[in-house]
Amino acid sequence: MAFTPKDVISLSQARANLSELIDEVQKGTDKIITKNGEASVALISTEKLEHYYRAERARIHLLLLEDAKEAIAAWKAGEPTEDAGEAIGRIRARLRQEREERERRAREDGGEDAK
């Protein structure tokens, strides 16, 4: 999503105009708040945040279903199958790696404070 210069505001401007910012965000305009000249945080509606959380949960469920499908296919083919604990550990490691990669990209794209 592209942001216009009007959507990017400094922390001091955000403090001074918080009520107006909230009104704009509730109407659908996301805001980027900068700190020391670097993008630091995004101000988004709670509806949009919940949408992102639901999308992330759905993505995790799809990963689990993919792994289950692969395990069933391996079992049907007579291949050795993975212990459930090992599979869960592997999935957690993959999710952790993805999260760390997103955080690394955010730091590179948006400054040291971005997560």
PDB file of N, CA and C in Angstrom:
ATOM      1  N   MET A   1       0.844  -1.175   0.000  1.00  0.00           N
ATOM      2  CA  MET A   1       0.000   0.000   0.000  1.00  0.00           C
ATOM      3  C   MET A   1       0.884   1.230   0.000  1.00  0.00           C
ATOM      4  N   ALA A   2       0.567   2.183  -0.847  1.00  0.00           N
ATOM      5  CA  ALA A   2       1.333   3.418  -0.928  1.00  0.00           C
ATOM      6  C   ALA A   2       0.746   4.446   0.034  1.00  0.00           C
ATOM      7  N   PHE A   3       1.631   5.175   0.674  1.00  0.00           N
ATOM      8  CA  PHE A   3       1.212   6.231   1.582  1.00  0.00           C
ATOM      9  C   PHE A   3       1.528   7.573   0.953  1.00  0.00           C
ATOM     10  N   THR A   4       0.645   8.521   1.165  1.00  0.00           N
ATOM     11  CA  THR A   4       0.886   9.875   0.682  1.00  0.00           C
ATOM     12  C   THR A   4       1.634  10.641   1.765  1.00  0.00           C
ATOM     13  N   PRO A   5       2.257  11.756   1.421  1.00  0.00           N
ATOM     14  CA  PRO A   5       2.936  12.555   2.451  1.00  0.00           C
ATOM     15  C   PRO A   5       1.999  12.954   3.594  1.00  0.00           C
ATOM     16  N   LYS A   6       0.708  13.116   3.293  1.00  0.00           N
ATOM     17  CA  LYS A   6      -0.268  13.473   4.333  1.00  0.00           C
ATOM     18  C   LYS A   6      -0.458  12.343   5.347  1.00  0.00           C
ATOM     19  N   ASP A   7      -0.168  11.107   4.943  1.00  0.00           N
ATOM     20  CA  ASP A   7      -0.348   9.950   5.824  1.00  0.00           C
ATOM     21  C   ASP A   7       0.839   9.720   6.756  1.00  0.00           C
ATOM     22  N   VAL A   8       1.938  10.422   6.526  1.00  0.00           N
ATOM     23  CA  VAL A   8       3.151  10.258   7.330  1.00  0.00           C
ATOM     24  C   VAL A   8       3.299  11.490   8.211  1.00  0.00           C
ATOM     25  N   ILE A   9       3.295  11.269   9.531  1.00  0.00           N
ATOM     26  CA  ILE A   9       3.362  12.398  10.452  1.00  0.00           C
ATOM     27  C   ILE A   9       4.391  12.126  11.545  1.00  0.00           C
ATOM     28  N   SER A  10       4.898  13.196  12.106  1.00  0.00           N
ATOM     29  CA  SER A  10       5.895  13.054  13.170  1.00  0.00           C
ATOM     30  C   SER A  10       5.202  12.717  14.489  1.00  0.00           C
ATOM     31  N   LEU A  11       5.976  12.208  15.416  1.00  0.00           N
ATOM     32  CA  LEU A  11       5.452  11.873  16.738  1.00  0.00           C
ATOM     33  C   LEU A  11       4.893  13.113  17.420  1.00  0.00           C
ATOM     34  N   SER A  12       5.575  14.243  17.301  1.00  0.00           N
ATOM     35  CA  SER A  12       5.079  15.469  17.943  1.00  0.00           C
ATOM     36  C   SER A  12       3.754  15.908  17.329  1.00  0.00           C
ATOM     37  N   GLN A  13       3.598  15.772  16.003  1.00  0.00           N
ATOM     38  CA  GLN A  13       2.319  16.091  15.366  1.00  0.00           C
ATOM     39  C   GLN A  13       1.232  15.123  15.835  1.00  0.00           C
ATOM     40  N   ALA A  14       1.586  13.855  15.976  1.00  0.00           N
ATOM     41  CA  ALA A  14       0.612  12.854  16.421  1.00  0.00           C
ATOM     42  C   ALA A  14       0.126  13.169  17.830  1.00  0.00           C
ATOM     43  N   ARG A  15       1.042  13.548  18.703  1.00  0.00           N
ATOM     44  CA  ARG A  15       0.647  13.902  20.071  1.00  0.00           C
ATOM     45  C   ARG A  15      -0.317  15.084  20.075  1.00  0.00           C
ATOM     46  N   ALA A  16       0.004  16.081  19.264  1.00  0.00           N
ATOM     47  CA  ALA A  16      -0.798  17.307  19.249  1.00  0.00           C
ATOM     48  C   ALA A  16      -2.171  17.101  18.615  1.00  0.00           C
ATOM     49  N   ASN A  17      -2.289  16.130  17.729  1.00  0.00           N
ATOM     50  CA  ASN A  17      -3.528  15.950  16.963  1.00  0.00           C
ATOM     51  C   ASN A  17      -4.102  14.542  17.088  1.00  0.00           C
ATOM     52  N   LEU A  18      -3.910  13.907  18.228  1.00  0.00           N
ATOM     53  CA  LEU A  18      -4.296  12.502  18.365  1.00  0.00           C
ATOM     54  C   LEU A  18      -5.783  12.265  18.105  1.00  0.00           C
ATOM     55  N   SER A  19      -6.642  13.115  18.629  1.00  0.00           N
ATOM     56  CA  SER A  19      -8.079  12.922  18.438  1.00  0.00           C
ATOM     57  C   SER A  19      -8.452  12.971  16.958  1.00  0.00           C
ATOM     58  N   GLU A  20      -7.895  13.931  16.222  1.00  0.00           N
ATOM     59  CA  GLU A  20      -8.170  14.043  14.789  1.00  0.00           C
ATOM     60  C   GLU A  20      -7.615  12.836  14.031  1.00  0.00           C
ATOM     61  N   LEU A  21      -6.431  12.384  14.437  1.00  0.00           N
ATOM     62  CA  LEU A  21      -5.837  11.204  13.799  1.00  0.00           C
ATOM     63  C   LEU A  21      -6.726   9.983  13.980  1.00  0.00           C
ATOM     64  N   ILE A  22      -7.224   9.815  15.183  1.00  0.00           N
ATOM     65  CA  ILE A  22      -8.106   8.677  15.458  1.00  0.00           C
ATOM     66  C   ILE A  22      -9.334   8.736  14.559  1.00  0.00           C
ATOM     67  N   ASP A  23      -9.915   9.929  14.421  1.00  0.00           N
ATOM     68  CA  ASP A  23     -11.085  10.077  13.542  1.00  0.00           C
ATOM     69  C   ASP A  23     -10.744   9.682  12.108  1.00  0.00           C
ATOM     70  N   GLU A  24      -9.590  10.126  11.599  1.00  0.00           N
ATOM     71  CA  GLU A  24      -9.183   9.800  10.229  1.00  0.00           C
ATOM     72  C   GLU A  24      -8.967   8.298  10.058  1.00  0.00           C
ATOM     73  N   VAL A  25      -8.321   7.681  11.043  1.00  0.00           N
ATOM     74  CA  VAL A  25      -8.053   6.241  10.961  1.00  0.00           C
ATOM     75  C   VAL A  25      -9.360   5.457  11.013  1.00  0.00           C
ATOM     76  N   GLN A  26     -10.285   5.888  11.852  1.00  0.00           N
ATOM     77  CA  GLN A  26     -11.580   5.207  11.919  1.00  0.00           C
ATOM     78  C   GLN A  26     -12.340   5.310  10.603  1.00  0.00           C
ATOM     79  N   LYS A  27     -12.042   6.341   9.811  1.00  0.00           N
ATOM     80  CA  LYS A  27     -12.675   6.500   8.497  1.00  0.00           C
ATOM     81  C   LYS A  27     -11.930   5.734   7.409  1.00  0.00           C
ATOM     82  N   GLY A  28     -10.812   5.084   7.774  1.00  0.00           N
ATOM     83  CA  GLY A  28     -10.128   4.222   6.814  1.00  0.00           C
ATOM     84  C   GLY A  28      -8.769   4.678   6.330  1.00  0.00           C
ATOM     85  N   THR A  29      -8.247   5.790   6.845  1.00  0.00           N
ATOM     86  CA  THR A  29      -6.938   6.274   6.421  1.00  0.00           C
ATOM     87  C   THR A  29      -5.877   5.828   7.423  1.00  0.00           C
ATOM     88  N   ASP A  30      -4.959   4.977   7.008  1.00  0.00           N
ATOM     89  CA  ASP A  30      -3.867   4.546   7.877  1.00  0.00           C
ATOM     90  C   ASP A  30      -2.841   5.666   7.984  1.00  0.00           C
ATOM     91  N   LYS A  31      -2.112   5.689   9.082  1.00  0.00           N
ATOM     92  CA  LYS A  31      -1.095   6.714   9.308  1.00  0.00           C
ATOM     93  C   LYS A  31       0.220   6.044   9.688  1.00  0.00           C
ATOM     94  N   ILE A  32       1.306   6.644   9.258  1.00  0.00           N
ATOM     95  CA  ILE A  32       2.646   6.232   9.670  1.00  0.00           C
ATOM     96  C   ILE A  32       3.179   7.331  10.576  1.00  0.00           C
ATOM     97  N   ILE A  33       3.615   6.968  11.756  1.00  0.00           N
ATOM     98  CA  ILE A  33       4.168   7.942  12.694  1.00  0.00           C
ATOM     99  C   ILE A  33       5.680   7.769  12.712  1.00  0.00           C
ATOM    100  N   THR A  34       6.376   8.883  12.542  1.00  0.00           N
ATOM    101  CA  THR A  34       7.836   8.848  12.515  1.00  0.00           C
ATOM    102  C   THR A  34       8.397   9.290  13.860  1.00  0.00           C
ATOM    103  N   LYS A  35       9.568   8.777  14.151  1.00  0.00           N
ATOM    104  CA  LYS A  35      10.296   9.160  15.356  1.00  0.00           C
ATOM    105  C   LYS A  35      11.727   9.417  14.922  1.00  0.00           C
ATOM    106  N   ASN A  36      12.224  10.586  15.218  1.00  0.00           N
ATOM    107  CA  ASN A  36      13.569  10.988  14.794  1.00  0.00           C
ATOM    108  C   ASN A  36      13.734  10.864  13.283  1.00  0.00           C
ATOM    109  N   GLY A  37      12.667  11.184  12.543  1.00  0.00           N
ATOM    110  CA  GLY A  37      12.727  11.183  11.086  1.00  0.00           C
ATOM    111  C   GLY A  37      12.590   9.826  10.423  1.00  0.00           C
ATOM    112  N   GLU A  38      12.446   8.773  11.203  1.00  0.00           N
ATOM    113  CA  GLU A  38      12.329   7.417  10.653  1.00  0.00           C
ATOM    114  C   GLU A  38      10.943   6.858  10.946  1.00  0.00           C
ATOM    115  N   ALA A  39      10.372   6.117   9.990  1.00  0.00           N
ATOM    116  CA  ALA A  39       9.084   5.463  10.221  1.00  0.00           C
ATOM    117  C   ALA A  39       9.211   4.560  11.439  1.00  0.00           C
ATOM    118  N   SER A  40       8.267   4.700  12.363  1.00  0.00           N
ATOM    119  CA  SER A  40       8.368   3.948  13.610  1.00  0.00           C
ATOM    120  C   SER A  40       7.181   3.017  13.829  1.00  0.00           C
ATOM    121  N   VAL A  41       5.969   3.540  13.703  1.00  0.00           N
ATOM    122  CA  VAL A  41       4.778   2.721  13.921  1.00  0.00           C
ATOM    123  C   VAL A  41       3.692   3.107  12.927  1.00  0.00           C
ATOM    124  N   ALA A  42       2.722   2.203  12.786  1.00  0.00           N
ATOM    125  CA  ALA A  42       1.553   2.479  11.952  1.00  0.00           C
ATOM    126  C   ALA A  42       0.338   2.598  12.853  1.00  0.00           C
ATOM    127  N   LEU A  43      -0.519   3.531  12.531  1.00  0.00           N
ATOM    128  CA  LEU A  43      -1.776   3.696  13.241  1.00  0.00           C
ATOM    129  C   LEU A  43      -2.867   3.198  12.299  1.00  0.00           C
ATOM    130  N   ILE A  44      -3.492   2.074  12.680  1.00  0.00           N
ATOM    131  CA  ILE A  44      -4.538   1.473  11.845  1.00  0.00           C
ATOM    132  C   ILE A  44      -5.765   1.217  12.710  1.00  0.00           C
ATOM    133  N   SER A  45      -6.897   1.020  12.069  1.00  0.00           N
ATOM    134  CA  SER A  45      -8.133   0.774  12.812  1.00  0.00           C
ATOM    135  C   SER A  45      -8.084  -0.601  13.481  1.00  0.00           C
ATOM    136  N   THR A  46      -8.860  -0.735  14.539  1.00  0.00           N
ATOM    137  CA  THR A  46      -8.928  -2.036  15.210  1.00  0.00           C
ATOM    138  C   THR A  46      -9.550  -3.079  14.291  1.00  0.00           C
ATOM    139  N   GLU A  47     -10.463  -2.650  13.408  1.00  0.00           N
ATOM    140  CA  GLU A  47     -11.045  -3.593  12.446  1.00  0.00           C
ATOM    141  C   GLU A  47      -9.969  -4.156  11.524  1.00  0.00           C
ATOM    142  N   LYS A  48      -9.097  -3.278  11.028  1.00  0.00           N
ATOM    143  CA  LYS A  48      -8.044  -3.726  10.127  1.00  0.00           C
ATOM    144  C   LYS A  48      -7.048  -4.620  10.875  1.00  0.00           C
ATOM    145  N   LEU A  49      -6.733  -4.269  12.111  1.00  0.00           N
ATOM    146  CA  LEU A  49      -5.821  -5.091  12.909  1.00  0.00           C
ATOM    147  C   LEU A  49      -6.409  -6.481  13.124  1.00  0.00           C
ATOM    148  N   GLU A  50      -7.690  -6.548  13.449  1.00  0.00           N
ATOM    149  CA  GLU A  50      -8.341  -7.846  13.633  1.00  0.00           C
ATOM    150  C   GLU A  50      -8.324  -8.642  12.334  1.00  0.00           C
ATOM    151  N   HIS A  51      -8.527  -7.954  11.218  1.00  0.00           N
ATOM    152  CA  HIS A  51      -8.455  -8.617   9.910  1.00  0.00           C
ATOM    153  C   HIS A  51      -7.072  -9.237   9.709  1.00  0.00           C
ATOM    154  N   TYR A  52      -6.016  -8.495  10.039  1.00  0.00           N
ATOM    155  CA  TYR A  52      -4.654  -9.019   9.898  1.00  0.00           C
ATOM    156  C   TYR A  52      -4.435 -10.234  10.797  1.00  0.00           C
ATOM    157  N   TYR A  53      -4.949 -10.168  12.037  1.00  0.00           N
ATOM    158  CA  TYR A  53      -4.808 -11.308  12.947  1.00  0.00           C
ATOM    159  C   TYR A  53      -5.540 -12.538  12.407  1.00  0.00           C
ATOM    160  N   ARG A  54      -6.756 -12.330  11.881  1.00  0.00           N
ATOM    161  CA  ARG A  54      -7.502 -13.458  11.306  1.00  0.00           C
ATOM    162  C   ARG A  54      -6.758 -14.044  10.113  1.00  0.00           C
ATOM    163  N   ALA A  55      -6.199 -13.184   9.280  1.00  0.00           N
ATOM    164  CA  ALA A  55      -5.451 -13.662   8.113  1.00  0.00           C
ATOM    165  C   ALA A  55      -4.228 -14.466   8.552  1.00  0.00           C
ATOM    166  N   GLU A  56      -3.546 -14.015   9.595  1.00  0.00           N
ATOM    167  CA  GLU A  56      -2.369 -14.747  10.082  1.00  0.00           C
ATOM    168  C   GLU A  56      -2.779 -16.100  10.658  1.00  0.00           C
ATOM    169  N   ARG A  57      -3.875 -16.138  11.407  1.00  0.00           N
ATOM    170  CA  ARG A  57      -4.350 -17.427  11.940  1.00  0.00           C
ATOM    171  C   ARG A  57      -4.730 -18.373  10.805  1.00  0.00           C
ATOM    172  N   ALA A  58      -5.377 -17.848   9.783  1.00  0.00           N
ATOM    173  CA  ALA A  58      -5.757 -18.684   8.640  1.00  0.00           C
ATOM    174  C   ALA A  58      -4.517 -19.222   7.939  1.00  0.00           C
ATOM    175  N   ARG A  59      -3.491 -18.391   7.814  1.00  0.00           N
ATOM    176  CA  ARG A  59      -2.245 -18.832   7.179  1.00  0.00           C
ATOM    177  C   ARG A  59      -1.611 -19.963   7.989  1.00  0.00           C
ATOM    178  N   ILE A  60      -1.605 -19.826   9.298  1.00  0.00           N
ATOM    179  CA  ILE A  60      -1.043 -20.873  10.160  1.00  0.00           C
ATOM    180  C   ILE A  60      -1.850 -22.162  10.018  1.00  0.00           C
ATOM    181  N   HIS A  61      -3.167 -22.051   9.970  1.00  0.00           N
ATOM    182  CA  HIS A  61      -4.001 -23.248   9.795  1.00  0.00           C
ATOM    183  C   HIS A  61      -3.709 -23.923   8.461  1.00  0.00           C
ATOM    184  N   LEU A  62      -3.508 -23.130   7.410  1.00  0.00           N
ATOM    185  CA  LEU A  62      -3.167 -23.714   6.111  1.00  0.00           C
ATOM    186  C   LEU A  62      -1.833 -24.451   6.161  1.00  0.00           C
ATOM    187  N   LEU A  63      -0.861 -23.876   6.873  1.00  0.00           N
ATOM    188  CA  LEU A  63       0.425 -24.568   7.028  1.00  0.00           C
ATOM    189  C   LEU A  63       0.234 -25.912   7.730  1.00  0.00           C
ATOM    190  N   LEU A  64      -0.580 -25.911   8.773  1.00  0.00           N
ATOM    191  CA  LEU A  64      -0.833 -27.159   9.498  1.00  0.00           C
ATOM    192  C   LEU A  64      -1.520 -28.184   8.604  1.00  0.00           C
ATOM    193  N   LEU A  65      -2.490 -27.729   7.815  1.00  0.00           N
ATOM    194  CA  LEU A  65      -3.179 -28.641   6.903  1.00  0.00           C
ATOM    195  C   LEU A  65      -2.233 -29.189   5.835  1.00  0.00           C
ATOM    196  N   GLU A  66      -1.349 -28.337   5.317  1.00  0.00           N
ATOM    197  CA  GLU A  66      -0.365 -28.805   4.333  1.00  0.00           C
ATOM    198  C   GLU A  66       0.528 -29.882   4.936  1.00  0.00           C
ATOM    199  N   ASP A  67       0.990 -29.635   6.162  1.00  0.00           N
ATOM    200  CA  ASP A  67       1.842 -30.624   6.821  1.00  0.00           C
ATOM    201  C   ASP A  67       1.086 -31.923   7.071  1.00  0.00           C
ATOM    202  N   ALA A  68      -0.179 -31.827   7.482  1.00  0.00           N
ATOM    203  CA  ALA A  68      -0.979 -33.034   7.713  1.00  0.00           C
ATOM    204  C   ALA A  68      -1.176 -33.797   6.408  1.00  0.00           C
ATOM    205  N   LYS A  69      -1.443 -33.079   5.333  1.00  0.00           N
ATOM    206  CA  LYS A  69      -1.630 -33.710   4.023  1.00  0.00           C
ATOM    207  C   LYS A  69      -0.357 -34.448   3.602  1.00  0.00           C
ATOM    208  N   GLU A  70       0.794 -33.807   3.789  1.00  0.00           N
ATOM    209  CA  GLU A  70       2.067 -34.453   3.444  1.00  0.00           C
ATOM    210  C   GLU A  70       2.303 -35.690   4.302  1.00  0.00           C
ATOM    211  N   ALA A  71       1.968 -35.602   5.586  1.00  0.00           N
ATOM    212  CA  ALA A  71       2.168 -36.739   6.485  1.00  0.00           C
ATOM    213  C   ALA A  71       1.265 -37.908   6.102  1.00  0.00           C
ATOM    214  N   ILE A  72       0.032 -37.620   5.745  1.00  0.00           N
ATOM    215  CA  ILE A  72      -0.897 -38.684   5.332  1.00  0.00           C
ATOM    216  C   ILE A  72      -0.410 -39.341   4.049  1.00  0.00           C
ATOM    217  N   ALA A  73       0.046 -38.529   3.095  1.00  0.00           N
ATOM    218  CA  ALA A  73       0.555 -39.084   1.834  1.00  0.00           C
ATOM    219  C   ALA A  73       1.773 -39.963   2.093  1.00  0.00           C
ATOM    220  N   ALA A  74       2.659 -39.529   2.982  1.00  0.00           N
ATOM    221  CA  ALA A  74       3.844 -40.324   3.308  1.00  0.00           C
ATOM    222  C   ALA A  74       3.443 -41.626   3.987  1.00  0.00           C
ATOM    223  N   TRP A  75       2.481 -41.549   4.888  1.00  0.00           N
ATOM    224  CA  TRP A  75       2.014 -42.739   5.597  1.00  0.00           C
ATOM    225  C   TRP A  75       1.396 -43.732   4.612  1.00  0.00           C
ATOM    226  N   LYS A  76       0.566 -43.226   3.684  1.00  0.00           N
ATOM    227  CA  LYS A  76      -0.061 -44.098   2.689  1.00  0.00           C
ATOM    228  C   LYS A  76       0.976 -44.739   1.776  1.00  0.00           C
ATOM    229  N   ALA A  77       2.067 -44.032   1.532  1.00  0.00           N
ATOM    230  CA  ALA A  77       3.124 -44.559   0.664  1.00  0.00           C
ATOM    231  C   ALA A  77       4.062 -45.492   1.423  1.00  0.00           C
ATOM    232  N   GLY A  78       3.807 -45.675   2.716  1.00  0.00           N
ATOM    233  CA  GLY A  78       4.635 -46.568   3.509  1.00  0.00           C
ATOM    234  C   GLY A  78       5.950 -45.954   3.950  1.00  0.00           C
ATOM    235  N   GLU A  79       6.069 -44.644   3.809  1.00  0.00           N
ATOM    236  CA  GLU A  79       7.299 -43.963   4.230  1.00  0.00           C
ATOM    237  C   GLU A  79       7.273 -43.760   5.743  1.00  0.00           C
ATOM    238  N   PRO A  80       8.450 -43.659   6.338  1.00  0.00           N
ATOM    239  CA  PRO A  80       8.491 -43.382   7.777  1.00  0.00           C
ATOM    240  C   PRO A  80       7.833 -42.027   8.055  1.00  0.00           C
ATOM    241  N   THR A  81       7.082 -41.962   9.131  1.00  0.00           N
ATOM    242  CA  THR A  81       6.404 -40.709   9.472  1.00  0.00           C
ATOM    243  C   THR A  81       7.084 -40.046  10.656  1.00  0.00           C
ATOM    244  N   GLU A  82       6.830 -38.779  10.769  1.00  0.00           N
ATOM    245  CA  GLU A  82       7.450 -37.957  11.800  1.00  0.00           C
ATOM    246  C   GLU A  82       6.612 -38.016  13.077  1.00  0.00           C
ATOM    247  N   ASP A  83       7.278 -38.000  14.218  1.00  0.00           N
ATOM    248  CA  ASP A  83       6.609 -37.917  15.503  1.00  0.00           C
ATOM    249  C   ASP A  83       5.861 -36.587  15.578  1.00  0.00           C
ATOM    250  N   ALA A  84       4.679 -36.566  16.199  1.00  0.00           N
ATOM    251  CA  ALA A  84       3.872 -35.345  16.282  1.00  0.00           C
ATOM    252  C   ALA A  84       4.640 -34.214  16.964  1.00  0.00           C
ATOM    253  N   GLY A  85       5.363 -34.535  18.020  1.00  0.00           N
ATOM    254  CA  GLY A  85       6.148 -33.511  18.716  1.00  0.00           C
ATOM    255  C   GLY A  85       7.214 -32.907  17.826  1.00  0.00           C
ATOM    256  N   GLU A  86       7.852 -33.751  17.013  1.00  0.00           N
ATOM    257  CA  GLU A  86       8.859 -33.250  16.077  1.00  0.00           C
ATOM    258  C   GLU A  86       8.217 -32.367  15.017  1.00  0.00           C
ATOM    259  N   ALA A  87       7.050 -32.767  14.546  1.00  0.00           N
ATOM    260  CA  ALA A  87       6.345 -31.975  13.529  1.00  0.00           C
ATOM    261  C   ALA A  87       5.962 -30.611  14.083  1.00  0.00           C
ATOM    262  N   ILE A  88       5.449 -30.586  15.303  1.00  0.00           N
ATOM    263  CA  ILE A  88       5.074 -29.314  15.924  1.00  0.00           C
ATOM    264  C   ILE A  88       6.304 -28.436  16.107  1.00  0.00           C
ATOM    265  N   GLY A  89       7.404 -29.023  16.534  1.00  0.00           N
ATOM    266  CA  GLY A  89       8.646 -28.264  16.679  1.00  0.00           C
ATOM    267  C   GLY A  89       9.114 -27.680  15.358  1.00  0.00           C
ATOM    268  N   ARG A  90       8.992 -28.463  14.292  1.00  0.00           N
ATOM    269  CA  ARG A  90       9.396 -27.994  12.964  1.00  0.00           C
ATOM    270  C   ARG A  90       8.511 -26.839  12.509  1.00  0.00           C
ATOM    271  N   ILE A  91       7.203 -26.954  12.748  1.00  0.00           N
ATOM    272  CA  ILE A  91       6.275 -25.892  12.366  1.00  0.00           C
ATOM    273  C   ILE A  91       6.563 -24.624  13.166  1.00  0.00           C
ATOM    274  N   ARG A  92       6.777 -24.778  14.470  1.00  0.00           N
ATOM    275  CA  ARG A  92       7.096 -23.604  15.295  1.00  0.00           C
ATOM    276  C   ARG A  92       8.381 -22.936  14.819  1.00  0.00           C
ATOM    277  N   ALA A  93       9.374 -23.732  14.466  1.00  0.00           N
ATOM    278  CA  ALA A  93      10.636 -23.168  13.971  1.00  0.00           C
ATOM    279  C   ALA A  93      10.409 -22.400  12.672  1.00  0.00           C
ATOM    280  N   ARG A  94       9.579 -22.956  11.800  1.00  0.00           N
ATOM    281  CA  ARG A  94       9.291 -22.273  10.529  1.00  0.00           C
ATOM    282  C   ARG A  94       8.564 -20.953  10.783  1.00  0.00           C
ATOM    283  N   LEU A  95       7.572 -20.947  11.678  1.00  0.00           N
ATOM    284  CA  LEU A  95       6.848 -19.718  11.989  1.00  0.00           C
ATOM    285  C   LEU A  95       7.765 -18.688  12.640  1.00  0.00           C
ATOM    286  N   ARG A  96       8.647 -19.146  13.536  1.00  0.00           N
ATOM    287  CA  ARG A  96       9.597 -18.244  14.184  1.00  0.00           C
ATOM    288  C   ARG A  96      10.523 -17.623  13.148  1.00  0.00           C
ATOM    289  N   GLN A  97      11.006 -18.445  12.215  1.00  0.00           N
ATOM    290  CA  GLN A  97      11.893 -17.953  11.168  1.00  0.00           C
ATOM    291  C   GLN A  97      11.183 -16.916  10.293  1.00  0.00           C
ATOM    292  N   GLU A  98       9.926 -17.169   9.947  1.00  0.00           N
ATOM    293  CA  GLU A  98       9.161 -16.211   9.147  1.00  0.00           C
ATOM    294  C   GLU A  98       8.979 -14.898   9.903  1.00  0.00           C
ATOM    295  N   ARG A  99       8.661 -14.979  11.208  1.00  0.00           N
ATOM    296  CA  ARG A  99       8.481 -13.771  12.015  1.00  0.00           C
ATOM    297  C   ARG A  99       9.777 -12.975  12.092  1.00  0.00           C
ATOM    298  N   GLU A 100      10.889 -13.674  12.313  1.00  0.00           N
ATOM    299  CA  GLU A 100      12.182 -12.991  12.388  1.00  0.00           C
ATOM    300  C   GLU A 100      12.532 -12.322  11.066  1.00  0.00           C
ATOM    301  N   GLU A 101      12.199 -12.971   9.962  1.00  0.00           N
ATOM    302  CA  GLU A 101      12.460 -12.390   8.649  1.00  0.00           C
ATOM    303  C   GLU A 101      11.609 -11.136   8.436  1.00  0.00           C
ATOM    304  N   ARG A 102      10.324 -11.187   8.841  1.00  0.00           N
ATOM    305  CA  ARG A 102       9.467  -9.997   8.725  1.00  0.00           C
ATOM    306  C   ARG A 102      10.014  -8.859   9.569  1.00  0.00           C
ATOM    307  N   GLU A 103      10.453  -9.158  10.790  1.00  0.00           N
ATOM    308  CA  GLU A 103      11.000  -8.130  11.672  1.00  0.00           C
ATOM    309  C   GLU A 103      12.282  -7.547  11.096  1.00  0.00           C
ATOM    310  N   ARG A 104      13.123  -8.398  10.500  1.00  0.00           N
ATOM    311  CA  ARG A 104      14.364  -7.914   9.896  1.00  0.00           C
ATOM    312  C   ARG A 104      14.055  -6.966   8.744  1.00  0.00           C
ATOM    313  N   ARG A 105      13.095  -7.368   7.886  1.00  0.00           N
ATOM    314  CA  ARG A 105      12.716  -6.502   6.756  1.00  0.00           C
ATOM    315  C   ARG A 105      12.126  -5.192   7.251  1.00  0.00           C
ATOM    316  N   ALA A 106      11.322  -5.250   8.315  1.00  0.00           N
ATOM    317  CA  ALA A 106      10.716  -4.030   8.854  1.00  0.00           C
ATOM    318  C   ALA A 106      11.789  -3.088   9.377  1.00  0.00           C
ATOM    319  N   ARG A 107      12.801  -3.645  10.056  1.00  0.00           N
ATOM    320  CA  ARG A 107      13.892  -2.796  10.544  1.00  0.00           C
ATOM    321  C   ARG A 107      14.633  -2.152   9.387  1.00  0.00           C
ATOM    322  N   GLU A 108      14.883  -2.926   8.335  1.00  0.00           N
ATOM    323  CA  GLU A 108      15.597  -2.392   7.177  1.00  0.00           C
ATOM    324  C   GLU A 108      14.773  -1.344   6.447  1.00  0.00           C
ATOM    325  N   ASP A 109      13.455  -1.565   6.358  1.00  0.00           N
ATOM    326  CA  ASP A 109      12.588  -0.650   5.615  1.00  0.00           C
ATOM    327  C   ASP A 109      12.159   0.557   6.429  1.00  0.00           C
ATOM    328  N   GLY A 110      12.024   0.375   7.745  1.00  0.00           N
ATOM    329  CA  GLY A 110      11.408   1.442   8.521  1.00  0.00           C
ATOM    330  C   GLY A 110      12.203   1.968   9.684  1.00  0.00           C
ATOM    331  N   GLY A 111      13.440   1.670   9.795  1.00  0.00           N
ATOM    332  CA  GLY A 111      14.231   2.178  10.906  1.00  0.00           C
ATOM    333  C   GLY A 111      14.372   1.162  12.017  1.00  0.00           C
ATOM    334  N   GLU A 112      15.154   1.521  13.001  1.00  0.00           N
ATOM    335  CA  GLU A 112      15.489   0.615  14.101  1.00  0.00           C
ATOM    336  C   GLU A 112      14.293   0.280  14.982  1.00  0.00           C
ATOM    337  N   ASP A 113      13.322   1.194  15.105  1.00  0.00           N
ATOM    338  CA  ASP A 113      12.212   0.965  16.023  1.00  0.00           C
ATOM    339  C   ASP A 113      11.094   0.145  15.416  1.00  0.00           C
ATOM    340  N   ALA A 114      11.128  -0.120  14.118  1.00  0.00           N
ATOM    341  CA  ALA A 114      10.034  -0.836  13.451  1.00  0.00           C
ATOM    342  C   ALA A 114      10.042  -2.305  13.819  1.00  0.00           C
ATOM    343  N   LYS A 115       8.840  -2.881  13.991  1.00  0.00           N
ATOM    344  CA  LYS A 115       8.699  -4.317  14.281  1.00  0.00           C
ATOM    345  C   LYS A 115       7.683  -4.919  13.385  1.00  0.00           C
TER     346      LYS A 115
END
